[in-house]
Amino acid sequence: CRVVKANCQIPVHSTPGRAFVQALRRHIRMHAEGKLFDVPQGKAFILEPNVTHGVEAVEETSFLVIVAPVESSGR
């Protein structure tokens, strides 16, 4: 779980796995694929692996992030 103060941003980055982001308290915005997505309290957002994205806190917000590894097809 992470807390971000109002009007703060987490810089653009990507994750090697699929990312699940849920706003636990208040409201964040996700910037991904050139679009802006609102994620209010209780809602979730899923990002595919390697998608460049950033996070902006509309208000002081706590949110949960889970990154799941992607299985390779080389089994």
N, C-alpha and C. Protein backbone atom coordinates (compact mmCIF):
# COMPACT_ATOMS: atom_id res chain seq x y z
N CYS A 1 0.86 -1.17 0.00
CA CYS A 1 0.00 0.00 0.00
C CYS A 1 0.90 1.24 0.00
N ARG A 2 0.50 2.24 -0.71
CA ARG A 2 1.30 3.45 -0.81
C ARG A 2 0.39 4.66 -0.59
N VAL A 3 0.91 5.70 0.03
CA VAL A 3 0.17 6.94 0.24
C VAL A 3 0.89 8.05 -0.53
N VAL A 4 0.11 8.82 -1.29
CA VAL A 4 0.66 9.93 -2.05
C VAL A 4 -0.10 11.19 -1.66
N LYS A 5 0.62 12.26 -1.39
CA LYS A 5 -0.01 13.53 -1.02
C LYS A 5 -0.71 14.16 -2.22
N ALA A 6 -1.69 15.01 -1.92
CA ALA A 6 -2.45 15.70 -2.97
C ALA A 6 -1.53 16.42 -3.94
N ASN A 7 -1.87 16.34 -5.21
CA ASN A 7 -1.15 17.01 -6.31
C ASN A 7 0.26 16.50 -6.53
N CYS A 8 0.65 15.41 -5.91
CA CYS A 8 1.96 14.81 -6.15
C CYS A 8 1.86 13.77 -7.26
N GLN A 9 3.00 13.50 -7.87
CA GLN A 9 3.02 12.53 -8.96
C GLN A 9 4.11 11.50 -8.75
N ILE A 10 3.85 10.32 -9.24
CA ILE A 10 4.88 9.28 -9.32
C ILE A 10 5.33 9.32 -10.78
N PRO A 11 6.62 9.53 -11.02
CA PRO A 11 7.11 9.70 -12.39
C PRO A 11 6.78 8.50 -13.30
N VAL A 12 6.82 8.78 -14.57
CA VAL A 12 6.54 7.76 -15.59
C VAL A 12 7.52 6.60 -15.44
N HIS A 13 6.97 5.39 -15.50
CA HIS A 13 7.77 4.17 -15.38
C HIS A 13 6.98 3.02 -16.01
N SER A 14 7.51 1.83 -15.97
CA SER A 14 6.80 0.63 -16.43
C SER A 14 7.19 -0.53 -15.52
N THR A 15 6.40 -1.60 -15.60
CA THR A 15 6.69 -2.80 -14.81
C THR A 15 6.78 -4.00 -15.75
N PRO A 16 7.62 -4.98 -15.44
CA PRO A 16 7.76 -6.13 -16.32
C PRO A 16 6.57 -7.10 -16.24
N GLY A 17 5.74 -6.93 -15.21
CA GLY A 17 4.57 -7.81 -15.06
C GLY A 17 3.28 -7.03 -15.17
N ARG A 18 2.17 -7.74 -15.14
CA ARG A 18 0.85 -7.11 -15.17
C ARG A 18 0.62 -6.42 -13.83
N ALA A 19 0.17 -5.17 -13.85
CA ALA A 19 0.00 -4.39 -12.62
C ALA A 19 -1.48 -4.14 -12.34
N PHE A 20 -1.88 -4.38 -11.09
CA PHE A 20 -3.22 -4.11 -10.60
C PHE A 20 -3.09 -2.94 -9.63
N VAL A 21 -3.83 -1.86 -9.88
CA VAL A 21 -3.76 -0.66 -9.03
C VAL A 21 -5.18 -0.36 -8.55
N GLN A 22 -5.36 -0.27 -7.23
CA GLN A 22 -6.68 0.04 -6.67
C GLN A 22 -6.57 1.22 -5.71
N ALA A 23 -7.43 2.21 -5.91
CA ALA A 23 -7.50 3.35 -4.99
C ALA A 23 -8.25 2.90 -3.74
N LEU A 24 -7.57 2.86 -2.61
CA LEU A 24 -8.19 2.43 -1.36
C LEU A 24 -8.89 3.59 -0.66
N ARG A 25 -8.31 4.77 -0.81
CA ARG A 25 -8.88 5.97 -0.17
C ARG A 25 -8.65 7.16 -1.10
N ARG A 26 -9.70 7.83 -1.43
CA ARG A 26 -9.71 9.04 -2.24
C ARG A 26 -9.56 8.76 -3.73
N HIS A 27 -8.61 9.41 -4.44
CA HIS A 27 -8.70 9.47 -5.90
C HIS A 27 -7.32 9.67 -6.53
N ILE A 28 -6.99 8.81 -7.50
CA ILE A 28 -5.77 8.98 -8.29
C ILE A 28 -6.14 9.05 -9.77
N ARG A 29 -5.19 9.51 -10.55
CA ARG A 29 -5.31 9.47 -12.01
C ARG A 29 -4.10 8.72 -12.55
N MET A 30 -4.35 7.86 -13.50
CA MET A 30 -3.29 7.11 -14.17
C MET A 30 -3.10 7.69 -15.57
N HIS A 31 -1.85 7.97 -15.90
CA HIS A 31 -1.50 8.42 -17.25
C HIS A 31 -0.87 7.20 -17.93
N ALA A 32 -1.54 6.68 -18.96
CA ALA A 32 -1.02 5.48 -19.64
C ALA A 32 -1.42 5.52 -21.11
N GLU A 33 -0.49 5.12 -21.95
CA GLU A 33 -0.74 5.03 -23.39
C GLU A 33 -1.29 6.33 -23.96
N GLY A 34 -0.80 7.46 -23.46
CA GLY A 34 -1.23 8.75 -23.96
C GLY A 34 -2.62 9.17 -23.54
N LYS A 35 -3.21 8.46 -22.58
CA LYS A 35 -4.56 8.77 -22.11
C LYS A 35 -4.54 8.98 -20.60
N LEU A 36 -5.59 9.61 -20.10
CA LEU A 36 -5.76 9.87 -18.68
C LEU A 36 -6.94 9.05 -18.16
N PHE A 37 -6.73 8.29 -17.09
CA PHE A 37 -7.77 7.45 -16.52
C PHE A 37 -8.00 7.83 -15.06
N ASP A 38 -9.25 8.14 -14.70
CA ASP A 38 -9.60 8.42 -13.31
C ASP A 38 -9.80 7.11 -12.57
N VAL A 39 -9.23 7.02 -11.38
CA VAL A 39 -9.38 5.83 -10.53
C VAL A 39 -9.83 6.32 -9.15
N PRO A 40 -11.15 6.47 -8.96
CA PRO A 40 -11.65 6.93 -7.66
C PRO A 40 -11.63 5.80 -6.63
N GLN A 41 -11.86 6.16 -5.38
CA GLN A 41 -11.86 5.21 -4.27
C GLN A 41 -12.68 3.97 -4.61
N GLY A 42 -12.08 2.79 -4.36
CA GLY A 42 -12.76 1.52 -4.58
C GLY A 42 -12.63 0.96 -5.98
N LYS A 43 -12.21 1.76 -6.92
CA LYS A 43 -12.06 1.30 -8.31
C LYS A 43 -10.63 0.81 -8.54
N ALA A 44 -10.48 0.02 -9.60
CA ALA A 44 -9.17 -0.55 -9.91
C ALA A 44 -8.83 -0.32 -11.37
N PHE A 45 -7.54 -0.45 -11.67
CA PHE A 45 -7.02 -0.24 -13.01
C PHE A 45 -5.97 -1.32 -13.23
N ILE A 46 -6.00 -1.95 -14.40
CA ILE A 46 -5.02 -3.00 -14.70
C ILE A 46 -4.18 -2.57 -15.90
N LEU A 47 -2.87 -2.71 -15.74
CA LEU A 47 -1.93 -2.37 -16.80
C LEU A 47 -1.24 -3.64 -17.29
N GLU A 48 -1.12 -3.76 -18.57
CA GLU A 48 -0.38 -4.88 -19.15
C GLU A 48 1.12 -4.66 -18.93
N PRO A 49 1.93 -5.71 -19.03
CA PRO A 49 3.37 -5.57 -18.82
C PRO A 49 3.99 -4.54 -19.76
N ASN A 50 4.98 -3.83 -19.25
CA ASN A 50 5.80 -2.89 -20.02
C ASN A 50 5.06 -1.67 -20.56
N VAL A 51 3.86 -1.38 -20.05
CA VAL A 51 3.14 -0.17 -20.45
C VAL A 51 3.68 1.00 -19.63
N THR A 52 4.15 2.03 -20.31
CA THR A 52 4.65 3.22 -19.63
C THR A 52 3.48 3.97 -19.01
N HIS A 53 3.61 4.32 -17.73
CA HIS A 53 2.52 4.99 -17.02
C HIS A 53 3.06 5.85 -15.88
N GLY A 54 2.22 6.77 -15.43
CA GLY A 54 2.53 7.61 -14.28
C GLY A 54 1.28 7.72 -13.43
N VAL A 55 1.44 8.18 -12.21
CA VAL A 55 0.32 8.29 -11.27
C VAL A 55 0.29 9.70 -10.71
N GLU A 56 -0.91 10.26 -10.62
CA GLU A 56 -1.11 11.59 -10.06
C GLU A 56 -2.18 11.51 -8.96
N ALA A 57 -1.89 12.04 -7.80
CA ALA A 57 -2.87 12.04 -6.70
C ALA A 57 -3.72 13.30 -6.80
N VAL A 58 -5.02 13.12 -6.97
CA VAL A 58 -5.95 14.24 -7.01
C VAL A 58 -6.10 14.81 -5.60
N GLU A 59 -6.16 13.91 -4.62
CA GLU A 59 -6.21 14.25 -3.19
C GLU A 59 -5.18 13.35 -2.51
N GLU A 60 -4.92 13.57 -1.22
CA GLU A 60 -4.05 12.62 -0.53
C GLU A 60 -4.73 11.26 -0.63
N THR A 61 -4.03 10.31 -1.18
CA THR A 61 -4.63 9.04 -1.56
C THR A 61 -3.78 7.87 -1.12
N SER A 62 -4.44 6.80 -0.70
CA SER A 62 -3.72 5.54 -0.48
C SER A 62 -4.20 4.57 -1.54
N PHE A 63 -3.25 3.82 -2.08
CA PHE A 63 -3.62 2.85 -3.11
C PHE A 63 -2.75 1.61 -3.01
N LEU A 64 -3.29 0.54 -3.54
CA LEU A 64 -2.65 -0.76 -3.52
C LEU A 64 -2.12 -1.07 -4.91
N VAL A 65 -0.90 -1.59 -4.97
CA VAL A 65 -0.32 -2.01 -6.25
C VAL A 65 0.15 -3.45 -6.11
N ILE A 66 -0.28 -4.28 -7.04
CA ILE A 66 0.18 -5.67 -7.10
C ILE A 66 0.71 -5.90 -8.50
N VAL A 67 1.95 -6.37 -8.62
CA VAL A 67 2.53 -6.67 -9.91
C VAL A 67 2.72 -8.18 -10.00
N ALA A 68 2.07 -8.77 -10.98
CA ALA A 68 2.14 -10.23 -11.17
C ALA A 68 3.10 -10.56 -12.30
N PRO A 69 4.02 -11.47 -12.05
CA PRO A 69 4.96 -11.84 -13.12
C PRO A 69 4.22 -12.52 -14.26
N VAL A 70 4.75 -12.32 -15.44
CA VAL A 70 4.18 -12.94 -16.62
C VAL A 70 4.98 -14.19 -16.92
N GLU A 71 4.29 -15.31 -17.06
CA GLU A 71 4.99 -16.57 -17.33
C GLU A 71 5.54 -16.56 -18.74
N SER A 72 6.75 -17.07 -18.88
CA SER A 72 7.33 -17.17 -20.21
C SER A 72 6.74 -18.40 -20.90
N SER A 73 6.69 -18.34 -22.22
CA SER A 73 6.12 -19.45 -22.99
C SER A 73 7.17 -20.51 -23.31
N GLY A 74 8.37 -20.38 -22.74
CA GLY A 74 9.45 -21.29 -23.03
C GLY A 74 9.49 -22.54 -22.17
N ARG A 75 8.37 -23.04 -21.71
CA ARG A 75 8.35 -24.24 -20.86
C ARG A 75 8.37 -25.49 -21.66
